[in-house]
Protein backbone atom coordinates (compact mmCIF):
# COMPACT_ATOMS: atom_id res chain seq x y z
CA UNK A 1 6.63 9.53 25.61
CA UNK A 2 3.43 7.21 25.64
CA UNK A 3 2.23 5.02 28.64
CA UNK A 4 3.77 1.44 27.48
CA UNK A 5 7.67 3.14 27.60
CA UNK A 6 6.87 4.95 30.90
CA UNK A 7 5.54 1.90 32.33
CA UNK A 8 8.61 0.00 31.40
CA UNK A 9 11.36 2.54 32.36
CA UNK A 10 9.46 2.56 36.02
CA UNK A 11 9.89 -1.24 36.16
CA UNK A 12 13.66 -1.28 34.85
CA UNK A 13 14.29 1.28 37.94
CA UNK A 14 12.56 -0.78 40.66
CA UNK A 15 14.89 -3.68 39.74
CA UNK A 16 17.80 -1.56 39.35
CA UNK A 17 17.02 -0.03 43.07
CA UNK A 18 16.14 -3.45 44.28
CA UNK A 19 19.69 -4.64 43.27
CA UNK A 20 21.36 -2.20 44.63
CA UNK A 21 19.68 -2.64 48.23
CA UNK A 22 20.59 -6.52 47.97
CA UNK A 23 24.33 -5.69 47.25
CA UNK A 24 24.53 -3.43 50.14
CA UNK A 25 22.54 -5.85 52.60
CA UNK A 26 25.28 -8.44 51.41
CA UNK A 27 28.23 -6.53 51.92
CA UNK A 28 27.32 -4.75 54.68
CA UNK A 29 28.93 -5.99 58.20
CA UNK A 30 26.87 -7.85 60.51
CA UNK A 31 27.25 -5.08 63.07
CA UNK A 32 28.69 -1.44 63.13
CA UNK A 33 31.73 -2.54 65.22
CA UNK A 34 33.02 -5.31 62.76
CA UNK A 35 32.73 -2.48 59.92
CA UNK A 36 34.91 0.10 61.90
CA UNK A 37 36.92 -2.22 63.90
CA UNK A 38 37.90 -1.88 67.55
CA UNK A 39 39.10 2.03 68.26
CA UNK A 40 41.29 1.39 71.22
CA UNK A 41 44.02 3.32 73.07
CA UNK A 42 47.44 2.93 72.13
CA UNK A 43 50.18 3.33 75.19
CA UNK A 44 53.63 4.37 74.67
CA UNK A 45 56.55 2.88 76.52
CA UNK A 46 56.42 4.22 79.85
CA UNK A 47 58.76 6.98 81.28
CA UNK A 48 60.83 7.35 84.05
CA UNK A 49 61.11 10.72 85.82
CA UNK A 50 63.30 12.08 88.32
CA UNK A 51 61.29 14.79 89.92
CA UNK A 52 63.99 15.69 92.40
CA UNK A 53 65.59 18.90 91.38
CA UNK A 54 67.09 21.33 93.44
CA UNK A 55 68.21 24.08 90.59
CA UNK A 56 65.64 26.45 89.50
CA UNK A 57 65.95 29.31 86.51
CA UNK A 58 64.88 33.10 86.70
CA UNK A 59 65.32 35.98 84.52
CA UNK A 60 68.95 37.32 84.59
CA UNK A 61 67.22 40.58 84.78
CA UNK A 62 65.98 39.80 88.35
CA UNK A 63 67.99 41.29 91.24
CA UNK A 64 69.14 37.84 92.95
CA UNK A 65 68.95 39.45 96.74
CA UNK A 66 65.26 39.75 96.10
CA UNK A 67 65.11 35.70 96.60
CA UNK A 68 63.48 34.72 99.69
CA UNK A 69 62.26 31.88 101.35
CA UNK A 70 58.30 31.10 101.36
CA UNK A 71 57.32 27.55 103.00
CA UNK A 72 57.98 24.26 102.97
CA UNK A 73 55.97 21.16 102.48
CA UNK A 74 55.61 17.39 101.68
CA UNK A 75 53.92 16.84 98.13
CA UNK A 76 53.55 13.60 95.81
CA UNK A 77 55.51 13.81 92.48
CA UNK A 78 55.11 11.51 89.40
CA UNK A 79 58.17 9.16 88.79
CA UNK A 80 56.94 7.32 86.21
CA UNK A 81 54.51 8.27 83.37
CA UNK A 82 52.82 7.16 80.12
CA UNK A 83 51.50 8.89 77.15
CA UNK A 84 48.28 7.46 76.00
CA UNK A 85 46.92 8.19 72.54
CA UNK A 86 43.32 8.03 71.87
CA UNK A 87 42.15 7.08 68.21
CA UNK A 88 38.73 8.59 68.60
CA UNK A 89 39.96 11.72 69.79
CA UNK A 90 42.53 12.24 67.19
CA UNK A 91 40.09 11.84 64.64
CA UNK A 92 37.61 14.08 66.33
CA UNK A 93 40.45 16.62 67.01
CA UNK A 94 42.32 16.44 63.94
CA UNK A 95 41.20 19.79 62.58
CA UNK A 96 41.20 21.66 65.63
CA UNK A 97 45.04 20.79 66.83
CA UNK A 98 46.85 20.63 64.25
CA UNK A 99 50.01 19.20 66.30
CA UNK A 100 48.01 16.46 67.36
CA UNK A 101 48.68 17.26 70.89
CA UNK A 102 44.86 17.18 71.59
CA UNK A 103 44.33 13.61 71.30
CA UNK A 104 47.44 12.70 73.70
CA UNK A 105 47.18 12.35 77.73
CA UNK A 106 49.55 11.55 80.05
CA UNK A 107 48.61 8.66 82.65
CA UNK A 108 50.80 8.64 85.75
CA UNK A 109 51.72 5.03 86.75
CA UNK A 110 53.84 5.99 89.91
CA UNK A 111 54.55 8.61 92.45
CA UNK A 112 56.89 9.31 95.31
CA UNK A 113 56.69 11.54 98.10
CA UNK A 114 58.84 14.57 97.87
CA UNK A 115 60.04 17.62 100.32
CA UNK A 116 58.90 21.01 98.27
CA UNK A 117 60.74 24.05 99.32
CA UNK A 118 58.82 27.47 97.92
CA UNK A 119 60.84 30.88 97.06
CA UNK A 120 59.76 33.98 95.57
CA UNK A 121 61.76 37.03 93.88
CA UNK A 122 60.84 40.22 92.53
CA UNK A 123 60.09 40.02 88.82
CA UNK A 124 61.43 42.41 86.16
CA UNK A 125 59.44 45.44 85.47
CA UNK A 126 57.65 45.35 81.99
CA UNK A 127 55.43 47.44 80.06
CA UNK A 128 52.17 47.02 77.65
CA UNK A 129 52.02 47.45 73.76
CA UNK A 130 50.13 50.67 74.74
CA UNK A 131 53.14 52.15 77.18
CA UNK A 132 51.75 51.42 80.36
CA UNK A 133 54.30 50.20 82.64
CA UNK A 134 53.84 47.27 84.76
CA UNK A 135 55.26 47.45 88.40
CA UNK A 136 57.07 44.53 89.26
CA UNK A 137 55.71 41.71 91.59
CA UNK A 138 56.79 38.92 93.36
CA UNK A 139 56.63 35.55 91.19
CA UNK A 140 57.59 31.88 92.67
CA UNK A 141 59.68 28.93 91.96
CA UNK A 142 60.08 25.40 93.72
CA UNK A 143 62.86 22.97 94.55
CA UNK A 144 62.26 19.43 95.45
CA UNK A 145 64.29 16.99 97.96
CA UNK A 146 64.29 13.47 98.81
CA UNK A 147 62.76 13.21 102.42
CA UNK A 148 65.55 11.45 103.49
CA UNK A 149 67.79 14.49 102.71
CA UNK A 150 66.16 16.39 105.80
CA UNK A 151 65.79 15.67 109.30
CA UNK A 152 62.54 13.63 109.96
CA UNK A 153 62.16 15.12 113.24
CA UNK A 154 62.41 18.65 111.65
CA UNK A 155 59.98 17.98 109.04
CA UNK A 156 57.49 16.70 111.56
CA UNK A 157 57.37 19.66 113.61
CA UNK A 158 55.53 22.99 112.66
CA UNK A 159 58.92 24.95 112.06
CA UNK A 160 58.29 28.45 111.51
CA UNK A 161 59.63 30.49 107.90
CA UNK A 162 63.04 31.50 109.67
CA UNK A 163 63.36 27.83 110.94
CA UNK A 164 62.55 26.08 107.76
CA UNK A 165 64.76 28.80 105.84
CA UNK A 166 67.78 27.79 107.60
CA UNK A 167 67.67 24.50 106.60
CA UNK A 168 68.95 25.57 103.19
CA UNK A 169 71.57 27.35 101.71
CA UNK A 170 70.88 29.32 98.10
CA UNK A 171 73.28 30.39 95.63
CA UNK A 172 73.15 32.07 92.35
CA UNK A 173 75.30 31.68 89.09
CA UNK A 174 75.06 33.04 85.37
CA UNK A 175 76.15 30.10 83.09
CA UNK A 176 77.96 31.02 79.92
CA UNK A 177 76.37 29.79 76.99
CA UNK A 178 77.13 29.47 73.19
CA UNK A 179 74.91 31.66 71.04
CA UNK A 180 74.69 32.29 67.04
CA UNK A 181 74.88 35.43 65.97
CA UNK A 182 75.19 37.44 62.73
CA UNK A 183 79.07 38.20 61.64
CA UNK A 184 78.46 41.41 60.52
CA UNK A 185 82.11 42.25 59.34
CA UNK A 186 81.94 39.34 57.04
CA UNK A 187 78.56 39.74 55.86
CA UNK A 188 77.24 41.31 52.72
CA UNK A 189 73.88 43.27 52.07
CA UNK A 190 72.20 44.48 49.13
CA UNK A 191 71.70 47.95 48.75
CA UNK A 192 68.40 49.52 48.62
CA UNK A 193 66.06 52.15 50.33
CA UNK A 194 62.79 51.87 51.88
CA UNK A 195 59.71 53.14 49.89
CA UNK A 196 56.11 53.72 51.58
CA UNK A 197 57.76 51.34 54.40
CA UNK A 198 58.92 48.54 52.10
CA UNK A 199 62.39 47.89 51.36
CA UNK A 200 63.63 48.06 47.70
CA UNK A 201 66.54 46.83 46.18
CA UNK A 202 68.72 48.70 43.88
CA UNK A 203 69.65 45.43 41.85
CA UNK A 204 66.89 42.96 41.90
CA UNK A 205 69.42 39.83 41.08
CA UNK A 206 71.31 40.92 44.07
CA UNK A 207 71.59 37.96 47.08
CA UNK A 208 72.43 39.31 50.56
CA UNK A 209 75.12 36.98 52.09
CA UNK A 210 75.24 36.50 55.42
CA UNK A 211 77.90 34.78 57.70
CA UNK A 212 77.38 33.57 61.05
CA UNK A 213 79.55 33.15 63.99
CA UNK A 214 79.37 31.15 67.59
CA UNK A 215 80.19 33.23 70.36
CA UNK A 216 80.17 32.45 74.08
CA UNK A 217 77.52 35.03 76.03
CA UNK A 218 76.17 35.16 79.55
CA UNK A 219 73.09 33.36 79.88
CA UNK A 220 69.48 34.97 79.54
CA UNK A 221 68.86 33.21 83.04
CA UNK A 222 70.16 32.92 86.59
CA UNK A 223 71.01 29.50 88.08
CA UNK A 224 69.41 29.32 91.96
CA UNK A 225 71.02 26.69 93.04
CA UNK A 226 69.11 25.44 96.71
CA UNK A 227 71.37 22.87 99.00
CA UNK A 228 70.46 21.39 102.30
CA UNK A 229 72.98 22.75 104.86
CA UNK A 230 73.31 19.30 106.71
CA UNK A 231 71.67 16.84 105.10
CA UNK A 232 70.38 13.55 106.99
CA UNK A 233 72.23 10.50 106.93
CA UNK A 234 70.36 7.90 104.41
CA UNK A 235 72.04 4.88 106.37
């Protein structure tokens, strides 16, 4: 290639590059904000909550006689919330949090005063994967009441444990629930054997025919109901 052709090609390249630069300048927004738009916060409708719950659930393997009162205190609970979705957080965390929960936060809009009654119970014994037995330990739960339900004079005083416990009556029940299970009597399974730890069917074209039934069984949890013995008048 001679010197004249090289010069012409170089000149053409300069012209093309200049044209591209001009086009980019013309089509580029005046500011970065104009180009991307406003990345803001998207609030959801507000949610009204009822934080006053006097029923708790504990495992059915627990001995209800181990339930005991611990302490009483005044707390502040959320009564109205709103889920806030931050678009920028969603963009940054979309690869880290598959469910998208990382870009949502809960904003508390209103709070109410409540009386918190704390109880404990001896949890069930369990073992680790290595077969180590873990001794049962005390676990806790809490229930909540309107301040108006309890005598104001008693709450104002520093009650000892026995006095505070006497304000409440505790009862337990194990509700019946519906459970979907395999109907073994009417189900049909393909024949086969385990080979090197894998299940091998005799007939590769066979398909299991599994039938289900719904039955009523005791719940896996105790319902612990805590009631105020002598509720104060709200009039």
